[in-house]
């Protein structure tokens, strides 16, 4: 099971890199513009959950991994993702997209914290 989720995580991440590397002229602007923020939110929501599941076992074995460092990594990655688009023809960095990425990260973390808390209460 652990190997499967790691493969899904890497595939999702590679898919995000490929998607953000597509030149702007190959993206249908009339359709994509209306849903762009939702797509950013969803991509980073899922990315955060997968990242958390993959990294969570390390929190028990290593002092370097903490939830704060996870958030820091995800937010820095989201910002670098936007900067990366400056170098793609027809693309640009967008603060609105960055905010949507961060909203997806924050929402996923709230969901994860809530599920964790509910599981702790259920255990007793």
N, C-alpha and C. Protein backbone atom coordinates (compact mmCIF):
# COMPACT_ATOMS: atom_id res chain seq x y z
N UNK A 1 0.83 -1.20 0.00
CA UNK A 1 0.00 0.00 0.00
C UNK A 1 0.87 1.26 0.00
N UNK A 2 1.92 1.28 0.84
CA UNK A 2 2.79 2.45 0.94
C UNK A 2 3.43 2.76 -0.41
N UNK A 3 3.94 1.75 -1.11
CA UNK A 3 4.58 1.94 -2.41
C UNK A 3 3.56 2.51 -3.41
N UNK A 4 2.34 2.04 -3.35
CA UNK A 4 1.30 2.52 -4.27
C UNK A 4 1.03 4.00 -4.09
N UNK A 5 0.93 4.47 -2.87
CA UNK A 5 0.65 5.89 -2.63
C UNK A 5 1.86 6.73 -3.03
N UNK A 6 3.07 6.19 -2.86
CA UNK A 6 4.26 6.92 -3.30
C UNK A 6 4.26 7.09 -4.82
N UNK A 7 3.85 6.06 -5.53
CA UNK A 7 3.76 6.14 -6.99
C UNK A 7 2.72 7.16 -7.41
N UNK A 8 1.57 7.15 -6.74
CA UNK A 8 0.52 8.12 -7.05
C UNK A 8 1.02 9.54 -6.78
N UNK A 9 1.71 9.74 -5.66
CA UNK A 9 2.26 11.06 -5.33
C UNK A 9 3.22 11.54 -6.40
N UNK A 10 4.17 10.70 -6.79
CA UNK A 10 5.16 11.10 -7.80
C UNK A 10 4.46 11.36 -9.14
N UNK A 11 3.51 10.52 -9.50
CA UNK A 11 2.77 10.72 -10.76
C UNK A 11 2.01 12.05 -10.73
N UNK A 12 1.38 12.36 -9.60
CA UNK A 12 0.64 13.62 -9.47
C UNK A 12 1.59 14.81 -9.62
N UNK A 13 2.73 14.72 -8.94
CA UNK A 13 3.72 15.80 -8.97
C UNK A 13 4.26 15.99 -10.39
N UNK A 14 4.62 14.90 -11.05
CA UNK A 14 5.10 14.99 -12.43
C UNK A 14 4.02 15.58 -13.33
N UNK A 15 2.77 15.15 -13.11
CA UNK A 15 1.66 15.71 -13.89
C UNK A 15 1.52 17.21 -13.68
N UNK A 16 1.71 17.67 -12.46
CA UNK A 16 1.65 19.11 -12.19
C UNK A 16 2.77 19.84 -12.92
N UNK A 17 3.97 19.27 -12.90
CA UNK A 17 5.11 19.91 -13.57
C UNK A 17 4.85 19.98 -15.08
N UNK A 18 4.35 18.90 -15.64
CA UNK A 18 4.05 18.89 -17.07
C UNK A 18 2.97 19.91 -17.40
N UNK A 19 1.91 19.95 -16.59
CA UNK A 19 0.80 20.87 -16.85
C UNK A 19 1.25 22.33 -16.79
N UNK A 20 2.12 22.66 -15.86
CA UNK A 20 2.57 24.05 -15.75
C UNK A 20 3.67 24.40 -16.75
N UNK A 21 4.10 23.40 -17.50
CA UNK A 21 5.13 23.64 -18.51
C UNK A 21 4.56 23.72 -19.93
N UNK A 22 3.26 23.58 -20.06
CA UNK A 22 2.62 23.67 -21.37
C UNK A 22 2.61 25.13 -21.80
N UNK A 23 3.12 25.43 -22.99
CA UNK A 23 3.08 26.82 -23.47
C UNK A 23 1.65 27.36 -23.54
N UNK A 24 1.52 28.65 -23.27
CA UNK A 24 0.21 29.28 -23.21
C UNK A 24 -0.63 29.13 -24.47
N UNK A 25 0.02 29.07 -25.64
CA UNK A 25 -0.74 28.97 -26.89
C UNK A 25 -1.45 27.63 -27.03
N UNK A 26 -1.06 26.62 -26.23
CA UNK A 26 -1.69 25.30 -26.30
C UNK A 26 -2.78 25.12 -25.24
N UNK A 27 -3.08 26.17 -24.51
CA UNK A 27 -4.11 26.10 -23.47
C UNK A 27 -5.33 26.88 -23.95
N UNK A 28 -6.50 26.24 -24.01
CA UNK A 28 -7.71 26.96 -24.47
C UNK A 28 -8.11 28.03 -23.44
N UNK A 29 -7.80 29.27 -23.72
CA UNK A 29 -8.00 30.38 -22.78
C UNK A 29 -9.47 30.60 -22.43
N UNK A 30 -10.37 30.50 -23.40
CA UNK A 30 -11.77 30.79 -23.12
C UNK A 30 -12.38 29.83 -22.11
N UNK A 31 -11.97 28.59 -22.12
CA UNK A 31 -12.49 27.60 -21.17
C UNK A 31 -11.68 27.62 -19.88
N UNK A 32 -10.37 27.62 -20.00
CA UNK A 32 -9.49 27.49 -18.84
C UNK A 32 -9.57 28.69 -17.91
N UNK A 33 -9.73 29.89 -18.45
CA UNK A 33 -9.74 31.11 -17.62
C UNK A 33 -10.84 31.05 -16.56
N UNK A 34 -11.99 30.50 -16.91
CA UNK A 34 -13.12 30.46 -15.98
C UNK A 34 -12.90 29.50 -14.81
N UNK A 35 -12.10 28.48 -15.01
CA UNK A 35 -11.93 27.47 -13.97
C UNK A 35 -10.50 27.41 -13.42
N UNK A 36 -9.64 28.32 -13.86
CA UNK A 36 -8.23 28.28 -13.50
C UNK A 36 -8.00 28.22 -12.00
N UNK A 37 -8.64 29.08 -11.24
CA UNK A 37 -8.40 29.12 -9.78
C UNK A 37 -8.86 27.83 -9.12
N UNK A 38 -9.97 27.29 -9.59
CA UNK A 38 -10.46 26.03 -9.05
C UNK A 38 -9.51 24.88 -9.33
N UNK A 39 -8.91 24.89 -10.52
CA UNK A 39 -7.94 23.86 -10.87
C UNK A 39 -6.71 23.98 -9.98
N UNK A 40 -6.22 25.20 -9.79
CA UNK A 40 -5.07 25.41 -8.90
C UNK A 40 -5.39 24.91 -7.49
N UNK A 41 -6.55 25.29 -6.99
CA UNK A 41 -6.97 24.86 -5.65
C UNK A 41 -6.97 23.34 -5.56
N UNK A 42 -7.62 22.68 -6.53
CA UNK A 42 -7.75 21.23 -6.50
C UNK A 42 -6.39 20.53 -6.64
N UNK A 43 -5.54 21.03 -7.55
CA UNK A 43 -4.22 20.43 -7.72
C UNK A 43 -3.43 20.44 -6.41
N UNK A 44 -3.44 21.58 -5.73
CA UNK A 44 -2.65 21.69 -4.49
C UNK A 44 -3.34 21.05 -3.30
N UNK A 45 -4.65 20.96 -3.31
CA UNK A 45 -5.38 20.23 -2.27
C UNK A 45 -4.96 18.76 -2.30
N UNK A 46 -5.04 18.15 -3.47
CA UNK A 46 -4.68 16.73 -3.62
C UNK A 46 -3.18 16.54 -3.38
N UNK A 47 -2.36 17.44 -3.92
CA UNK A 47 -0.91 17.35 -3.74
C UNK A 47 -0.55 17.37 -2.26
N UNK A 48 -1.19 18.23 -1.48
CA UNK A 48 -0.92 18.33 -0.05
C UNK A 48 -1.30 17.05 0.67
N UNK A 49 -2.46 16.50 0.36
CA UNK A 49 -2.88 15.26 1.02
C UNK A 49 -1.93 14.12 0.69
N UNK A 50 -1.57 14.00 -0.59
CA UNK A 50 -0.62 12.95 -0.97
C UNK A 50 0.74 13.16 -0.31
N UNK A 51 1.21 14.40 -0.30
CA UNK A 51 2.49 14.72 0.34
C UNK A 51 2.45 14.33 1.82
N UNK A 52 1.37 14.68 2.48
CA UNK A 52 1.24 14.38 3.91
C UNK A 52 1.26 12.87 4.17
N UNK A 53 0.52 12.13 3.36
CA UNK A 53 0.45 10.67 3.54
C UNK A 53 1.83 10.05 3.31
N UNK A 54 2.53 10.52 2.28
CA UNK A 54 3.86 9.98 1.98
C UNK A 54 4.86 10.35 3.07
N UNK A 55 4.80 11.56 3.57
CA UNK A 55 5.80 12.04 4.54
C UNK A 55 5.46 11.70 5.99
N UNK A 56 4.22 11.42 6.31
CA UNK A 56 3.80 11.20 7.69
C UNK A 56 4.61 10.14 8.43
N UNK A 57 4.95 9.01 7.83
CA UNK A 57 5.76 8.03 8.59
C UNK A 57 7.12 8.57 9.01
N UNK A 58 7.65 9.51 8.24
CA UNK A 58 8.95 10.08 8.59
C UNK A 58 8.87 10.94 9.86
N UNK A 59 7.69 11.44 10.17
CA UNK A 59 7.55 12.28 11.36
C UNK A 59 7.81 11.48 12.64
N UNK A 60 7.62 10.18 12.57
CA UNK A 60 7.84 9.34 13.74
C UNK A 60 9.31 8.92 13.88
N UNK A 61 10.06 8.97 12.75
CA UNK A 61 11.43 8.48 12.76
C UNK A 61 12.48 9.58 12.66
N UNK A 62 12.08 10.77 12.30
CA UNK A 62 13.05 11.82 12.05
C UNK A 62 12.60 13.13 12.66
N UNK A 63 13.53 13.85 13.22
CA UNK A 63 13.20 15.13 13.83
C UNK A 63 13.10 16.25 12.80
N UNK A 64 13.60 16.03 11.58
CA UNK A 64 13.58 17.11 10.58
C UNK A 64 12.18 17.34 10.04
N UNK A 65 11.35 16.30 10.02
CA UNK A 65 10.02 16.44 9.42
C UNK A 65 9.04 16.89 10.48
N UNK A 66 8.45 18.03 10.26
CA UNK A 66 7.40 18.52 11.14
C UNK A 66 6.30 19.09 10.26
N UNK A 67 5.10 19.21 10.77
CA UNK A 67 4.03 19.83 9.97
C UNK A 67 4.40 21.23 9.49
N UNK A 68 5.10 22.00 10.31
CA UNK A 68 5.49 23.34 9.91
C UNK A 68 6.42 23.30 8.70
N UNK A 69 7.36 22.38 8.71
CA UNK A 69 8.26 22.25 7.57
C UNK A 69 7.52 21.77 6.33
N UNK A 70 6.51 20.94 6.52
CA UNK A 70 5.70 20.50 5.39
C UNK A 70 4.99 21.68 4.75
N UNK A 71 4.40 22.53 5.59
CA UNK A 71 3.71 23.72 5.09
C UNK A 71 4.71 24.62 4.37
N UNK A 72 5.85 24.82 4.97
CA UNK A 72 6.88 25.66 4.36
C UNK A 72 7.29 25.11 2.99
N UNK A 73 7.54 23.82 2.91
CA UNK A 73 7.90 23.20 1.63
C UNK A 73 6.80 23.43 0.60
N UNK A 74 5.55 23.17 0.97
CA UNK A 74 4.44 23.27 0.02
C UNK A 74 4.23 24.70 -0.47
N UNK A 75 4.33 25.67 0.42
CA UNK A 75 4.14 27.07 0.03
C UNK A 75 5.31 27.54 -0.84
N UNK A 76 6.52 27.17 -0.46
CA UNK A 76 7.68 27.53 -1.28
C UNK A 76 7.56 26.88 -2.66
N UNK A 77 7.16 25.63 -2.70
CA UNK A 77 7.00 24.95 -3.99
C UNK A 77 5.92 25.65 -4.83
N UNK A 78 4.81 26.04 -4.21
CA UNK A 78 3.75 26.74 -4.94
C UNK A 78 4.27 28.04 -5.53
N UNK A 79 5.10 28.76 -4.78
CA UNK A 79 5.64 30.02 -5.30
C UNK A 79 6.64 29.75 -6.44
N UNK A 80 7.46 28.73 -6.30
CA UNK A 80 8.41 28.39 -7.35
C UNK A 80 7.69 27.91 -8.61
N UNK A 81 6.57 27.26 -8.41
CA UNK A 81 5.75 26.81 -9.54
C UNK A 81 5.28 28.01 -10.36
N UNK A 82 4.88 29.07 -9.68
CA UNK A 82 4.45 30.28 -10.40
C UNK A 82 5.64 30.96 -11.07
N UNK A 83 6.78 31.04 -10.40
CA UNK A 83 7.97 31.65 -10.99
C UNK A 83 8.41 30.86 -12.22
N UNK A 84 8.36 29.54 -12.13
CA UNK A 84 8.73 28.67 -13.25
C UNK A 84 7.94 29.03 -14.51
N UNK A 85 6.70 29.45 -14.34
CA UNK A 85 5.86 29.76 -15.50
C UNK A 85 6.30 31.04 -16.21
N UNK A 86 7.11 31.86 -15.57
CA UNK A 86 7.67 33.04 -16.24
C UNK A 86 8.55 32.64 -17.43
N UNK A 87 9.09 31.45 -17.38
CA UNK A 87 10.01 30.99 -18.41
C UNK A 87 9.33 30.14 -19.49
N UNK A 88 8.02 29.99 -19.39
CA UNK A 88 7.26 29.21 -20.36
C UNK A 88 6.58 30.18 -21.32
N UNK A 89 6.78 30.03 -22.63
CA UNK A 89 6.17 30.96 -23.59
C UNK A 89 4.64 31.03 -23.43
N UNK A 90 4.15 32.25 -23.37
CA UNK A 90 2.70 32.45 -23.26
C UNK A 90 2.14 32.26 -21.86
N UNK A 91 2.99 32.01 -20.88
CA UNK A 91 2.54 31.84 -19.50
C UNK A 91 3.07 32.98 -18.66
N UNK A 92 2.52 33.15 -17.49
CA UNK A 92 2.99 34.19 -16.58
C UNK A 92 2.74 33.76 -15.14
N UNK A 93 3.46 34.37 -14.23
CA UNK A 93 3.23 34.13 -12.80
C UNK A 93 2.01 34.93 -12.38
N UNK A 94 1.24 34.37 -11.49
CA UNK A 94 0.02 35.04 -11.06
C UNK A 94 -0.13 34.92 -9.54
N UNK A 95 -0.29 36.06 -8.89
CA UNK A 95 -0.52 36.03 -7.44
C UNK A 95 -1.86 35.36 -7.13
N UNK A 96 -2.85 35.58 -8.00
CA UNK A 96 -4.15 34.94 -7.78
C UNK A 96 -4.02 33.41 -7.83
N UNK A 97 -3.21 32.91 -8.75
CA UNK A 97 -2.97 31.47 -8.82
C UNK A 97 -2.22 31.00 -7.57
N UNK A 98 -1.23 31.77 -7.14
CA UNK A 98 -0.49 31.43 -5.93
C UNK A 98 -1.43 31.37 -4.72
N UNK A 99 -2.32 32.34 -4.62
CA UNK A 99 -3.29 32.34 -3.51
C UNK A 99 -4.22 31.12 -3.59
N UNK A 100 -4.62 30.75 -4.81
CA UNK A 100 -5.46 29.56 -4.97
C UNK A 100 -4.68 28.31 -4.56
N UNK A 101 -3.41 28.24 -4.93
CA UNK A 101 -2.55 27.12 -4.50
C UNK A 101 -2.51 27.05 -2.98
N UNK A 102 -2.27 28.19 -2.34
CA UNK A 102 -2.18 28.24 -0.87
C UNK A 102 -3.51 27.92 -0.21
N UNK A 103 -4.59 28.32 -0.83
CA UNK A 103 -5.92 27.97 -0.29
C UNK A 103 -6.14 26.46 -0.35
N UNK A 104 -5.69 25.83 -1.43
CA UNK A 104 -5.78 24.37 -1.53
C UNK A 104 -4.93 23.69 -0.47
N UNK A 105 -3.73 24.21 -0.25
CA UNK A 105 -2.84 23.67 0.79
C UNK A 105 -3.49 23.82 2.16
N UNK A 106 -3.97 25.01 2.48
CA UNK A 106 -4.56 25.27 3.79
C UNK A 106 -5.81 24.42 4.03
N UNK A 107 -6.66 24.31 3.03
CA UNK A 107 -7.88 23.52 3.18
C UNK A 107 -7.54 22.06 3.39
N UNK A 108 -6.58 21.54 2.64
CA UNK A 108 -6.17 20.14 2.82
C UNK A 108 -5.63 19.92 4.23
N UNK A 109 -4.85 20.87 4.73
CA UNK A 109 -4.29 20.71 6.08
C UNK A 109 -5.38 20.74 7.15
N UNK A 110 -6.40 21.56 6.95
CA UNK A 110 -7.52 21.58 7.89
C UNK A 110 -8.26 20.25 7.85
N UNK A 111 -8.49 19.73 6.65
CA UNK A 111 -9.15 18.42 6.51
C UNK A 111 -8.31 17.34 7.19
N UNK A 112 -7.01 17.33 6.92
CA UNK A 112 -6.13 16.34 7.53
C UNK A 112 -6.11 16.45 9.05
N UNK A 113 -6.05 17.67 9.57
CA UNK A 113 -6.04 17.86 11.03
C UNK A 113 -7.37 17.40 11.64
N UNK A 114 -8.45 17.67 10.96
CA UNK A 114 -9.78 17.26 11.45
C UNK A 114 -9.90 15.75 11.47
N UNK A 115 -9.47 15.10 10.38
CA UNK A 115 -9.52 13.63 10.33
C UNK A 115 -8.62 13.04 11.41
N UNK A 116 -7.44 13.61 11.58
CA UNK A 116 -6.52 13.13 12.62
C UNK A 116 -7.16 13.25 14.00
N UNK A 117 -7.78 14.39 14.26
CA UNK A 117 -8.42 14.62 15.56
C UNK A 117 -9.58 13.65 15.77
N UNK A 118 -10.38 13.42 14.75
CA UNK A 118 -11.51 12.49 14.87
C UNK A 118 -11.02 11.07 15.13
N UNK A 119 -9.93 10.68 14.48
CA UNK A 119 -9.37 9.35 14.72
C UNK A 119 -8.81 9.24 16.14
N UNK A 120 -8.22 10.30 16.65
CA UNK A 120 -7.72 10.30 18.03
C UNK A 120 -8.87 10.16 19.02
N UNK A 121 -9.96 10.87 18.77
CA UNK A 121 -11.14 10.78 19.65
C UNK A 121 -11.75 9.39 19.61
N UNK A 122 -11.77 8.80 18.41
CA UNK A 122 -12.34 7.46 18.26
C UNK A 122 -11.51 6.41 19.02
N UNK A 123 -10.18 6.60 19.02
CA UNK A 123 -9.30 5.66 19.74
C UNK A 123 -9.52 5.75 21.25
N UNK A 124 -9.94 6.92 21.66
CA UNK A 124 -10.30 6.97 23.03
C UNK A 124 -9.69 7.89 23.94
